[in-house]
Amino acid sequence: MSSAMSKALELPEILLRVGPSLVKKTDIVACLSVCRTWKAVFEPFLWREFRVLPDIPPPLALMELNAEHIRKLTVERIDADMETFRMNCTRLVDLSMSADNLDADSWEMFANMIRNHASLRRIFIHCRSPLTPPKHFLQALKSCQRLAVFETDYCHYDEETFPYYLDACAGLWRLSAEGDRFPIQKSFPTGVIFPEMRYMELCDCRGMTIEQQLEWISTCPKLISIRLECSNIPVSLFCEKIPSCPNLTDLHFLVEINDGPLSLIIDALPRIEKLTLTMTGFGTRSMNSLRRHFATLRDINIQYCTSATPAMVQEILASCPKLQGICADYINADAIGPSQPWVCTHLQMFDVHIQVRNSASLHTHRTVYQQLSLLHDLQYLSICSPNPSDLNIPHLRFTLEYGVELLTHFSKLTYFSCKWILGAKGSRDMETVQWIMTHWPRLETFEAVPVGNQWIFLESLPARVQFEDFNAHLEDYHDSPYNSDYDESFGDDNWQSMTRSLDDM
């Protein structure tokens, strides 16, 4: 390295531009050991996110010293002697509270913290048991002028606090209520409007009828995305309210709905970009309605839809040029190839079981891998069903000879899952794993179901790669049929993107 380059890398102005791109703490720690200048510049980035754990006494002196660097704070322990630390977090933008119970003093502490932190953009209240936010806390939320996102689960509101809750949410860009309980009312309050709301999640909300929830949705004229989880939905009313949200493009349903009624909802939307229909009756009629949206469709999740056929999955891949993410149950290997090329060349997420015939030739397997190799922007790849009952269904061979060696251009891939198919060929699979560790430089997560002595090898993967045993996550797949990996990692509807947009205004 030239002396000029060396001197340039000692300039704090340059190093400060590098720091925000360092996501892993191990990378930040490595930078601290380079020299004193680097240590002084990069140490604050080590404190960007901080969690106060419930059972570990926090290092108060160290916390107070570095509080000004914390941007995201998760509090799972309420201590009165932490008041100075909380008030010193002057650059805080993200506050999460997780607790079994909050007494009046604790609510007051958090209310004061919100009032004194004008930079807050997101607040999340995670309740392991039902909590009732008091009126003065909700009033503090209202005073937080830059607040864009408010997320809660299992919070209860009564007739006194509900109006303050609605008032606090009036200026938000995103609202998420999961398992919250609202007061039983004859109708949704009139005259209430949410002029800036773009993203709304109402999942398993109690007390408020689905009709009232739809009325609530219709008060958001700038709404882009809806996520609804309920037992049923009045289709005619939904279609009636949709014109009130002319910007609506993203629909995420976990609703018991048949193919015919679902097709009417898809027809009612003027434009669709993201569609999650997990465990719905999506079938032939819904597919017919969806074709009108192929030109704009960016993400689709039709996993656990028993009427969604492999031919539908292939048609989507071959007809949606803007597609960035797809989650589905099956696609047939025989349909993949030059005769029906995929037009979604910028796909970032592929989570589909690729089904092959028992008699499939080496050429068939390599043709599939050749098609996958054209997806240079892939960041998330899963090629096997999450359902253990599908273990006996023929699947792709996971070996270099059968085509894995063709995937040499996955320079952006960070997540790969082969689930059940690891182990089908013994030690040759381990050779394949070694190959992908060398050729996929950005891989961070490798998910599989190891057998026998494969554990020894998988535990010795490079430090940058985290191995995940799919068996340990199997219960999560059944409890939460939504595939949220895309939304959290690659979606543009996350709160960070929203607040960056706000900052640019």
Protein backbone atom coordinates (compact mmCIF):
# COMPACT_ATOMS: atom_id res chain seq x y z
CA MET A 1 0.00 0.00 0.00
CA SER A 2 1.38 3.42 -0.96
CA SER A 3 2.12 5.98 1.74
CA ALA A 4 -0.53 8.31 0.23
CA MET A 5 -3.15 5.58 0.45
CA SER A 6 -2.06 4.77 4.00
CA LYS A 7 -2.41 8.39 5.04
CA ALA A 8 -5.83 8.61 3.38
CA LEU A 9 -7.05 5.68 5.47
CA GLU A 10 -6.07 7.59 8.60
CA LEU A 11 -8.35 10.52 7.79
CA PRO A 12 -11.42 10.46 10.07
CA GLU A 13 -13.51 11.98 7.26
CA ILE A 14 -12.92 8.90 5.11
CA LEU A 15 -13.21 6.39 7.95
CA LEU A 16 -16.55 7.87 9.02
CA ARG A 17 -17.92 7.02 5.58
CA VAL A 18 -16.74 3.43 5.93
CA GLY A 19 -18.19 2.90 9.42
CA PRO A 20 -21.94 2.81 8.55
CA SER A 21 -21.32 -0.01 6.06
CA LEU A 22 -19.88 -2.28 8.78
CA VAL A 23 -22.81 -4.45 9.85
CA LYS A 24 -21.07 -7.24 11.75
CA LYS A 25 -19.60 -6.39 15.14
CA THR A 26 -16.70 -8.74 14.43
CA ASP A 27 -15.67 -6.46 11.54
CA ILE A 28 -15.88 -3.40 13.78
CA VAL A 29 -13.79 -5.10 16.48
CA ALA A 30 -11.17 -5.97 13.86
CA CYS A 31 -10.97 -2.30 12.86
CA LEU A 32 -10.40 -1.25 16.48
CA SER A 33 -7.10 -3.11 16.58
CA VAL A 34 -5.56 -1.41 13.53
CA CYS A 35 -4.36 1.79 15.19
CA ARG A 36 -5.41 4.48 17.65
CA THR A 37 -7.04 6.62 14.94
CA TRP A 38 -9.16 3.72 13.73
CA LYS A 39 -10.09 2.83 17.31
CA ALA A 40 -11.26 6.37 18.01
CA VAL A 41 -13.34 6.50 14.82
CA PHE A 42 -14.86 3.01 14.81
CA GLU A 43 -15.56 2.47 18.52
CA PRO A 44 -18.80 4.51 18.41
CA PHE A 45 -20.13 2.16 15.69
CA LEU A 46 -19.75 -0.72 18.14
CA TRP A 47 -22.44 0.96 20.25
CA ARG A 48 -24.96 1.65 17.48
CA GLU A 49 -27.23 -1.06 18.88
CA PHE A 50 -27.46 -1.96 22.57
CA ARG A 51 -29.64 -4.38 24.50
CA VAL A 52 -30.28 -4.23 28.24
CA LEU A 53 -30.82 -7.88 29.15
CA PRO A 54 -33.24 -8.91 31.91
CA ASP A 55 -30.94 -11.16 33.97
CA ILE A 56 -27.54 -9.53 33.53
CA PRO A 57 -26.60 -6.44 35.60
CA PRO A 58 -25.77 -3.71 33.08
CA PRO A 59 -22.34 -1.98 33.15
CA LEU A 60 -23.80 1.42 33.98
CA ALA A 61 -20.56 3.44 33.92
CA LEU A 62 -19.61 2.11 30.48
CA MET A 63 -23.17 2.55 29.21
CA GLU A 64 -23.36 6.16 30.34
CA LEU A 65 -19.99 6.88 28.74
CA ASN A 66 -21.12 5.58 25.33
CA ALA A 67 -24.83 6.41 25.48
CA GLU A 68 -24.51 9.21 22.92
CA HIS A 69 -23.47 6.67 20.24
CA ILE A 70 -26.52 4.40 20.65
CA ARG A 71 -29.05 4.63 17.82
CA LYS A 72 -31.09 1.51 18.63
CA LEU A 73 -31.89 0.57 22.24
CA THR A 74 -33.74 -2.56 23.40
CA VAL A 75 -34.75 -2.51 27.07
CA GLU A 76 -35.69 -5.78 28.75
CA ARG A 77 -34.87 -4.62 32.27
CA ILE A 78 -36.34 -1.64 34.12
CA ASP A 79 -34.00 -0.06 36.69
CA ALA A 80 -34.49 3.36 38.26
CA ASP A 81 -30.71 3.86 38.40
CA MET A 82 -30.57 3.70 34.58
CA GLU A 83 -32.34 7.04 34.26
CA THR A 84 -29.10 8.95 33.53
CA PHE A 85 -28.11 6.44 30.86
CA ARG A 86 -31.50 6.62 29.15
CA MET A 87 -31.42 10.42 29.08
CA ASN A 88 -27.86 10.39 27.69
CA CYS A 89 -28.95 8.44 24.59
CA THR A 90 -29.29 11.71 22.72
CA ARG A 91 -29.07 10.21 19.20
CA LEU A 92 -31.59 7.45 19.74
CA VAL A 93 -33.83 6.67 16.74
CA ASP A 94 -35.16 3.20 17.63
CA LEU A 95 -36.54 2.22 21.05
CA SER A 96 -37.87 -1.26 21.87
CA MET A 97 -39.40 -2.14 25.22
CA SER A 98 -39.83 -5.78 26.15
CA ALA A 99 -41.22 -6.69 29.55
CA ASP A 100 -43.63 -8.94 31.43
CA ASN A 101 -45.06 -6.05 33.36
CA LEU A 102 -44.60 -2.29 33.60
CA ASP A 103 -45.73 -0.47 36.72
CA ALA A 104 -46.76 3.20 36.84
CA ASP A 105 -43.19 4.36 37.57
CA SER A 106 -41.80 2.41 34.60
CA TRP A 107 -44.38 3.85 32.21
CA GLU A 108 -43.49 7.34 33.49
CA MET A 109 -39.77 6.66 32.89
CA PHE A 110 -40.43 5.70 29.29
CA ALA A 111 -42.80 8.62 28.78
CA ASN A 112 -40.07 11.00 29.97
CA MET A 113 -37.55 9.32 27.71
CA ILE A 114 -39.81 9.80 24.69
CA ARG A 115 -40.50 13.43 25.55
CA ASN A 116 -36.75 14.14 25.81
CA HIS A 117 -35.67 12.33 22.64
CA ALA A 118 -36.92 14.27 19.65
CA SER A 119 -34.89 12.07 17.26
CA LEU A 120 -36.98 8.92 17.88
CA ARG A 121 -38.37 7.44 14.66
CA ARG A 122 -39.53 4.00 15.81
CA ILE A 123 -41.01 2.65 19.05
CA PHE A 124 -41.83 -1.01 19.61
CA ILE A 125 -43.59 -2.40 22.68
CA HIS A 126 -43.24 -6.17 23.00
CA CYS A 127 -45.41 -7.67 25.71
CA ARG A 128 -44.92 -11.19 26.97
CA SER A 129 -48.17 -10.67 28.89
CA PRO A 130 -50.93 -8.14 28.14
CA LEU A 131 -50.04 -4.53 28.99
CA THR A 132 -52.22 -1.43 29.07
CA PRO A 133 -50.32 1.71 28.01
CA PRO A 134 -51.57 4.61 30.18
CA LYS A 135 -52.91 7.87 28.83
CA HIS A 136 -49.83 9.95 29.71
CA PHE A 137 -47.59 7.52 27.79
CA LEU A 138 -49.77 7.83 24.68
CA GLN A 139 -49.69 11.61 25.05
CA ALA A 140 -45.89 11.43 25.12
CA LEU A 141 -46.01 9.52 21.82
CA LYS A 142 -48.10 12.30 20.32
CA SER A 143 -45.43 14.84 21.34
CA CYS A 144 -42.72 12.89 19.47
CA GLN A 145 -42.86 14.88 16.23
CA ARG A 146 -40.44 12.70 14.20
CA LEU A 147 -41.99 9.38 15.17
CA ALA A 148 -42.73 7.38 12.00
CA VAL A 149 -43.28 3.82 13.25
CA PHE A 150 -45.22 2.47 16.23
CA GLU A 151 -45.40 -1.30 16.69
CA THR A 152 -47.10 -3.18 19.53
CA ASP A 153 -48.14 -6.67 20.40
CA TYR A 154 -50.67 -7.72 23.03
CA CYS A 155 -51.37 -4.21 24.26
CA HIS A 156 -54.83 -3.52 25.62
CA TYR A 157 -56.71 -0.24 25.18
CA ASP A 158 -59.96 0.69 26.90
CA GLU A 159 -62.57 3.32 26.08
CA GLU A 160 -60.53 6.00 27.88
CA THR A 161 -57.13 5.31 26.29
CA PHE A 162 -58.23 4.32 22.75
CA PRO A 163 -58.85 7.93 21.55
CA TYR A 164 -55.35 8.89 22.79
CA TYR A 165 -53.92 5.87 20.94
CA LEU A 166 -55.57 6.96 17.68
CA ASP A 167 -54.40 10.54 18.21
CA ALA A 168 -50.81 9.37 18.80
CA CYS A 169 -50.92 7.37 15.55
CA ALA A 170 -52.31 10.21 13.43
CA GLY A 171 -48.94 11.28 11.97
CA LEU A 172 -47.31 7.85 11.57
CA TRP A 173 -46.01 6.25 8.39
CA ARG A 174 -46.30 2.71 9.76
CA LEU A 175 -48.53 1.12 12.37
CA SER A 176 -48.38 -2.48 13.49
CA ALA A 177 -50.82 -4.01 15.97
CA GLU A 178 -50.47 -7.74 16.63
CA GLY A 179 -52.80 -9.39 19.11
CA ASP A 180 -53.83 -5.98 20.48
CA ARG A 181 -57.22 -5.62 22.15
CA PHE A 182 -59.37 -2.60 21.40
CA PRO A 183 -62.61 -1.53 23.12
CA ILE A 184 -65.81 -2.97 21.69
CA GLN A 185 -67.61 -0.18 19.86
CA LYS A 186 -70.58 0.05 17.52
CA SER A 187 -68.45 1.66 14.80
CA PHE A 188 -65.02 3.07 14.13
CA PRO A 189 -64.78 6.70 15.36
CA THR A 190 -65.86 9.21 12.71
CA GLY A 191 -63.78 12.16 11.60
CA VAL A 192 -60.46 10.37 12.25
CA ILE A 193 -57.89 10.39 9.44
CA PHE A 194 -54.33 9.16 9.12
CA PRO A 195 -52.94 11.37 6.33
CA GLU A 196 -49.36 10.02 6.29
CA MET A 197 -49.96 6.30 6.92
CA ARG A 198 -48.24 4.13 4.30
CA TYR A 199 -48.01 0.71 5.98
CA MET A 200 -50.55 -0.88 8.29
CA GLU A 201 -50.53 -4.29 9.97
CA LEU A 202 -53.62 -5.47 11.86
CA CYS A 203 -53.00 -9.05 12.94
CA ASP A 204 -55.40 -10.98 15.17
CA CYS A 205 -56.74 -7.80 16.76
CA ARG A 206 -59.48 -8.31 19.34
CA GLY A 207 -62.55 -6.27 20.21
CA MET A 208 -62.63 -4.48 16.85
CA THR A 209 -64.63 -6.22 14.12
CA ILE A 210 -63.12 -6.81 10.68
CA GLU A 211 -65.65 -4.32 9.30
CA GLN A 212 -64.31 -1.66 11.67
CA GLN A 213 -60.74 -2.56 10.73
CA LEU A 214 -61.59 -2.02 7.06
CA GLU A 215 -63.16 1.32 7.97
CA TRP A 216 -59.89 2.20 9.74
CA ILE A 217 -57.89 1.23 6.65
CA SER A 218 -60.09 3.48 4.48
CA THR A 219 -59.03 6.52 6.57
CA CYS A 220 -55.44 6.20 5.23
CA PRO A 221 -55.44 7.91 1.81
CA LYS A 222 -51.69 7.35 1.22
CA LEU A 223 -51.69 3.67 2.23
CA ILE A 224 -49.31 1.48 0.23
CA SER A 225 -49.38 -1.81 2.14
CA ILE A 226 -51.90 -3.77 4.20
CA ARG A 227 -51.20 -6.88 6.29
CA LEU A 228 -54.35 -8.48 7.65
CA GLU A 229 -54.69 -11.56 9.81
CA CYS A 230 -58.27 -12.55 10.68
CA SER A 231 -60.66 -15.49 10.39
CA ASN A 232 -62.63 -14.12 7.42
CA ILE A 233 -63.08 -11.00 5.37
CA PRO A 234 -66.22 -9.37 3.89
CA VAL A 235 -65.13 -9.25 0.25
CA SER A 236 -67.76 -6.76 -0.97
CA LEU A 237 -66.89 -4.29 1.79
CA PHE A 238 -63.16 -4.67 1.14
CA CYS A 239 -63.67 -3.94 -2.57
CA GLU A 240 -65.86 -0.97 -1.64
CA LYS A 241 -63.19 0.57 0.61
CA ILE A 242 -60.22 0.03 -1.74
CA PRO A 243 -60.83 3.22 -3.80
CA SER A 244 -60.14 5.22 -0.61
CA CYS A 245 -56.52 4.02 -0.85
CA PRO A 246 -55.50 4.75 -4.46
CA ASN A 247 -51.79 4.08 -3.75
CA LEU A 248 -52.36 0.58 -2.37
CA THR A 249 -50.01 -1.87 -4.11
CA ASP A 250 -49.03 -4.39 -1.41
CA LEU A 251 -51.45 -6.92 0.04
CA HIS A 252 -50.47 -9.45 2.71
CA PHE A 253 -53.26 -11.81 3.82
CA LEU A 254 -53.45 -14.54 6.40
CA VAL A 255 -57.16 -15.00 5.97
CA GLU A 256 -59.47 -17.93 5.37
CA ILE A 257 -60.67 -17.09 1.87
CA ASN A 258 -61.54 -19.23 -1.15
CA ASP A 259 -60.29 -18.85 -4.69
CA GLY A 260 -63.37 -17.04 -6.09
CA PRO A 261 -63.66 -14.28 -3.45
CA LEU A 262 -59.87 -13.83 -3.48
CA SER A 263 -59.95 -13.25 -7.24
CA LEU A 264 -62.46 -10.41 -6.71
CA ILE A 265 -60.08 -8.70 -4.28
CA ILE A 266 -57.16 -9.05 -6.72
CA ASP A 267 -59.41 -7.59 -9.44
CA ALA A 268 -60.31 -4.63 -7.22
CA LEU A 269 -56.69 -3.51 -6.81
CA PRO A 270 -55.58 -1.17 -9.60
CA ARG A 271 -51.95 -2.26 -9.28
CA ILE A 272 -50.15 -5.01 -7.34
CA GLU A 273 -46.45 -5.05 -6.50
CA LYS A 274 -46.28 -7.29 -3.41
CA LEU A 275 -48.66 -10.14 -2.64
CA THR A 276 -48.61 -12.54 0.31
CA LEU A 277 -51.42 -15.10 0.21
CA THR A 278 -50.04 -17.84 2.44
CA MET A 279 -52.53 -20.61 3.27
CA THR A 280 -55.32 -19.01 1.22
CA GLY A 281 -57.41 -20.64 -1.54
CA PHE A 282 -55.29 -19.09 -4.31
CA GLY A 283 -56.04 -21.11 -7.43
CA THR A 284 -57.13 -20.87 -11.05
CA ARG A 285 -59.50 -17.88 -10.70
CA SER A 286 -57.04 -15.90 -8.59
CA MET A 287 -54.28 -16.67 -11.09
CA ASN A 288 -56.46 -15.39 -13.92
CA SER A 289 -56.97 -12.13 -12.01
CA LEU A 290 -53.25 -11.86 -11.18
CA ARG A 291 -52.11 -11.97 -14.80
CA ARG A 292 -53.20 -8.35 -15.23
CA HIS A 293 -50.57 -7.41 -12.63
CA PHE A 294 -47.64 -9.42 -14.05
CA ALA A 295 -45.96 -6.29 -15.41
CA THR A 296 -45.74 -4.67 -11.94
CA LEU A 297 -45.45 -7.70 -9.61
CA ARG A 298 -42.26 -7.59 -7.51
CA ASP A 299 -42.84 -10.13 -4.72
CA ILE A 300 -45.25 -13.01 -4.26
CA ASN A 301 -45.71 -15.62 -1.53
CA ILE A 302 -48.14 -18.46 -2.28
CA GLN A 303 -46.66 -21.08 0.02
CA TYR A 304 -49.11 -23.54 1.59
CA CYS A 305 -51.74 -22.74 -1.05
CA THR A 306 -52.89 -26.23 -2.03
CA SER A 307 -54.51 -25.06 -5.29
CA ALA A 308 -51.41 -23.21 -6.52
CA THR A 309 -49.83 -25.52 -9.12
CA PRO A 310 -46.20 -25.84 -10.25
CA ALA A 311 -47.31 -24.59 -13.69
CA MET A 312 -48.52 -21.34 -12.05
CA VAL A 313 -45.14 -20.87 -10.39
CA GLN A 314 -43.33 -21.39 -13.69
CA GLU A 315 -45.67 -18.93 -15.45
CA ILE A 316 -44.98 -16.25 -12.83
CA LEU A 317 -41.22 -16.67 -13.21
CA ALA A 318 -41.53 -16.57 -17.00
CA SER A 319 -43.91 -13.59 -17.14
CA CYS A 320 -43.00 -11.07 -14.40
CA PRO A 321 -39.96 -9.01 -15.46
CA LYS A 322 -39.84 -6.95 -12.23
CA LEU A 323 -40.08 -9.92 -9.88
CA GLN A 324 -37.60 -9.75 -7.00
CA GLY A 325 -38.91 -12.41 -4.62
CA ILE A 326 -40.96 -15.60 -4.90
CA CYS A 327 -42.02 -18.12 -2.25
CA ALA A 328 -44.05 -21.12 -3.38
CA ASP A 329 -44.35 -24.83 -2.72
CA TYR A 330 -43.22 -26.53 -5.92
CA ILE A 331 -41.96 -26.09 -9.44
CA ASN A 332 -41.26 -28.97 -11.84
CA ALA A 333 -37.71 -29.29 -13.10
CA ASP A 334 -39.00 -30.45 -16.50
CA ALA A 335 -40.60 -27.02 -17.07
CA ILE A 336 -37.36 -25.15 -16.44
CA GLY A 337 -35.17 -24.45 -19.43
CA PRO A 338 -34.58 -22.47 -22.63
CA SER A 339 -38.10 -23.13 -23.94
CA GLN A 340 -39.61 -21.12 -21.05
CA PRO A 341 -36.88 -18.79 -19.83
CA TRP A 342 -37.39 -16.81 -16.64
CA VAL A 343 -37.67 -13.10 -17.38
CA CYS A 344 -37.08 -12.06 -13.75
CA THR A 345 -33.34 -11.62 -14.18
CA HIS A 346 -33.09 -9.40 -11.07
CA LEU A 347 -34.63 -11.91 -8.66
CA GLN A 348 -33.25 -11.51 -5.14
CA MET A 349 -35.16 -14.22 -3.29
CA PHE A 350 -36.10 -17.72 -4.49
CA ASP A 351 -37.79 -20.07 -2.02
CA VAL A 352 -39.35 -22.91 -4.01
CA HIS A 353 -38.98 -26.68 -3.86
CA ILE A 354 -37.63 -27.84 -7.22
CA GLN A 355 -39.25 -31.21 -7.91
CA VAL A 356 -37.61 -33.69 -10.27
CA ARG A 357 -38.63 -37.09 -11.58
CA ASN A 358 -36.98 -40.19 -10.12
CA SER A 359 -35.67 -40.92 -13.58
CA ALA A 360 -34.41 -37.37 -14.21
CA SER A 361 -31.14 -37.31 -16.10
CA LEU A 362 -27.94 -35.50 -15.26
CA HIS A 363 -28.84 -33.07 -18.04
CA THR A 364 -32.16 -32.18 -16.32
CA HIS A 365 -30.42 -31.32 -13.07
CA ARG A 366 -27.74 -29.26 -14.79
CA THR A 367 -30.39 -27.39 -16.81
CA VAL A 368 -32.06 -26.32 -13.56
CA TYR A 369 -28.79 -25.15 -12.03
CA GLN A 370 -27.97 -23.35 -15.29
CA GLN A 371 -31.22 -21.38 -15.01
CA LEU A 372 -30.48 -20.54 -11.37
CA SER A 373 -26.97 -19.41 -12.33
CA LEU A 374 -28.45 -16.58 -14.43
CA LEU A 375 -29.91 -14.97 -11.30
CA HIS A 376 -26.84 -12.90 -10.43
CA ASP A 377 -28.71 -10.70 -7.92
CA LEU A 378 -29.87 -13.56 -5.68
CA GLN A 379 -29.43 -12.89 -1.99
CA TYR A 380 -31.67 -15.65 -0.57
CA LEU A 381 -31.92 -19.13 -2.07
CA SER A 382 -33.87 -22.13 -0.80
CA ILE A 383 -34.38 -25.11 -3.10
CA CYS A 384 -36.18 -27.56 -0.83
CA SER A 385 -39.61 -27.76 0.80
CA PRO A 386 -39.84 -26.88 4.52
CA ASN A 387 -42.37 -29.67 4.99
CA PRO A 388 -40.76 -32.87 6.40
CA SER A 389 -43.50 -34.96 4.79
CA ASP A 390 -42.03 -33.95 1.43
CA LEU A 391 -38.71 -35.62 2.22
CA ASN A 392 -39.50 -38.54 -0.07
CA ILE A 393 -40.46 -36.31 -3.01
CA PRO A 394 -37.68 -36.37 -5.64
CA HIS A 395 -35.50 -33.31 -5.43
CA LEU A 396 -32.40 -31.78 -6.98
CA ARG A 397 -29.13 -33.55 -6.43
CA PHE A 398 -26.91 -31.37 -4.25
CA THR A 399 -23.53 -32.15 -5.83
CA LEU A 400 -20.99 -30.35 -7.99
CA GLU A 401 -21.34 -32.95 -10.73
CA TYR A 402 -25.11 -32.44 -11.02
CA GLY A 403 -24.77 -28.69 -11.44
CA VAL A 404 -23.88 -26.81 -8.25
CA GLU A 405 -20.54 -25.95 -9.87
CA LEU A 406 -22.45 -23.74 -12.35
CA LEU A 407 -23.41 -21.31 -9.57
CA THR A 408 -20.13 -19.42 -9.63
CA HIS A 409 -21.64 -15.92 -9.95
CA PHE A 410 -23.55 -15.77 -6.67
CA SER A 411 -21.47 -12.87 -5.40
CA LYS A 412 -24.46 -11.32 -3.55
CA LEU A 413 -25.92 -14.44 -1.94
CA THR A 414 -26.12 -14.13 1.86
CA TYR A 415 -28.57 -16.95 2.73
CA PHE A 416 -28.72 -20.50 1.39
CA SER A 417 -30.90 -23.39 2.52
CA CYS A 418 -30.87 -26.92 1.20
CA LYS A 419 -32.87 -28.24 4.19
CA TRP A 420 -33.47 -31.98 3.86
CA ILE A 421 -31.36 -32.75 0.80
CA LEU A 422 -28.04 -32.43 2.63
CA GLY A 423 -26.78 -35.93 3.34
CA ALA A 424 -28.32 -37.62 0.34
CA LYS A 425 -24.87 -38.30 -1.05
CA GLY A 426 -22.74 -38.53 2.05
CA SER A 427 -19.26 -37.09 1.92
CA ARG A 428 -19.77 -35.70 -1.59
CA ASP A 429 -22.21 -33.22 -0.07
CA MET A 430 -19.45 -32.00 2.19
CA GLU A 431 -17.29 -31.38 -0.86
CA THR A 432 -20.14 -29.29 -2.26
CA VAL A 433 -20.43 -27.33 0.98
CA GLN A 434 -16.70 -26.61 0.90
CA TRP A 435 -17.06 -25.40 -2.69
CA ILE A 436 -19.87 -22.93 -1.93
CA MET A 437 -17.96 -21.54 1.06
CA THR A 438 -15.16 -20.67 -1.35
CA HIS A 439 -17.26 -19.38 -4.26
CA TRP A 440 -20.03 -17.47 -2.44
CA PRO A 441 -17.98 -14.80 -0.64
CA ARG A 442 -20.91 -12.98 0.98
CA LEU A 443 -22.68 -16.04 2.36
CA GLU A 444 -23.68 -15.43 5.97
CA THR A 445 -26.21 -18.20 6.73
CA PHE A 446 -26.18 -21.85 5.66
CA GLU A 447 -29.27 -23.85 6.65
CA ALA A 448 -29.58 -27.63 6.41
CA VAL A 449 -30.48 -30.80 8.30
CA PRO A 450 -27.17 -32.50 9.04
CA VAL A 451 -26.85 -36.23 9.55
CA GLY A 452 -24.20 -38.29 11.32
CA ASN A 453 -20.70 -36.87 11.44
CA GLN A 454 -21.62 -33.92 9.20
CA TRP A 455 -22.04 -31.96 12.43
CA ILE A 456 -18.26 -31.98 12.91
CA PHE A 457 -17.70 -30.43 9.50
CA LEU A 458 -20.52 -27.89 9.73
CA GLU A 459 -19.29 -26.60 13.07
CA SER A 460 -15.99 -25.72 11.41
CA LEU A 461 -17.43 -23.45 8.74
CA PRO A 462 -15.73 -20.08 8.16
CA ALA A 463 -16.35 -17.53 10.93
CA ARG A 464 -18.39 -15.34 8.57
CA VAL A 465 -20.96 -18.11 8.01
CA GLN A 466 -23.53 -19.12 10.58
CA PHE A 467 -24.87 -22.66 10.34
CA GLU A 468 -28.55 -23.15 11.20
CA ASP A 469 -30.10 -26.54 11.85
CA PHE A 470 -33.43 -26.47 10.02
CA ASN A 471 -34.91 -28.99 12.46
CA ALA A 472 -34.57 -26.38 15.22
CA HIS A 473 -36.58 -23.87 13.14
CA LEU A 474 -39.25 -26.29 11.95
CA GLU A 475 -41.72 -25.25 14.65
CA ASP A 476 -41.37 -21.62 13.57
CA TYR A 477 -42.41 -22.54 10.02
CA HIS A 478 -45.65 -24.03 11.31
CA ASP A 479 -46.36 -21.30 13.88
CA SER A 480 -45.66 -18.46 11.44
CA PRO A 481 -46.58 -19.42 7.88
CA TYR A 482 -45.55 -15.99 6.62
CA ASN A 483 -42.06 -16.01 5.20
CA SER A 484 -40.83 -12.77 6.74
CA ASP A 485 -37.19 -13.21 5.71
CA TYR A 486 -37.67 -11.17 2.56
CA ASP A 487 -39.48 -8.30 4.29
CA GLU A 488 -36.83 -8.10 7.02
CA SER A 489 -33.76 -8.46 4.84
CA PHE A 490 -34.54 -7.34 1.31
CA GLY A 491 -37.93 -5.58 1.28
CA ASP A 492 -38.25 -1.86 0.76
CA ASP A 493 -41.21 -1.56 3.13
CA ASN A 494 -39.08 -1.77 6.25
CA TRP A 495 -39.02 1.15 8.66
CA GLN A 496 -35.41 2.07 7.99
CA SER A 497 -36.22 2.76 4.32
CA MET A 498 -39.20 4.83 5.36
CA THR A 499 -37.24 6.97 7.80
CA ARG A 500 -34.51 7.51 5.22
CA SER A 501 -37.22 8.81 2.91
CA LEU A 502 -38.42 11.13 5.66
CA ASP A 503 -34.89 12.40 6.25
CA ASP A 504 -34.58 13.23 2.53
CA MET A 505 -37.72 15.35 2.56
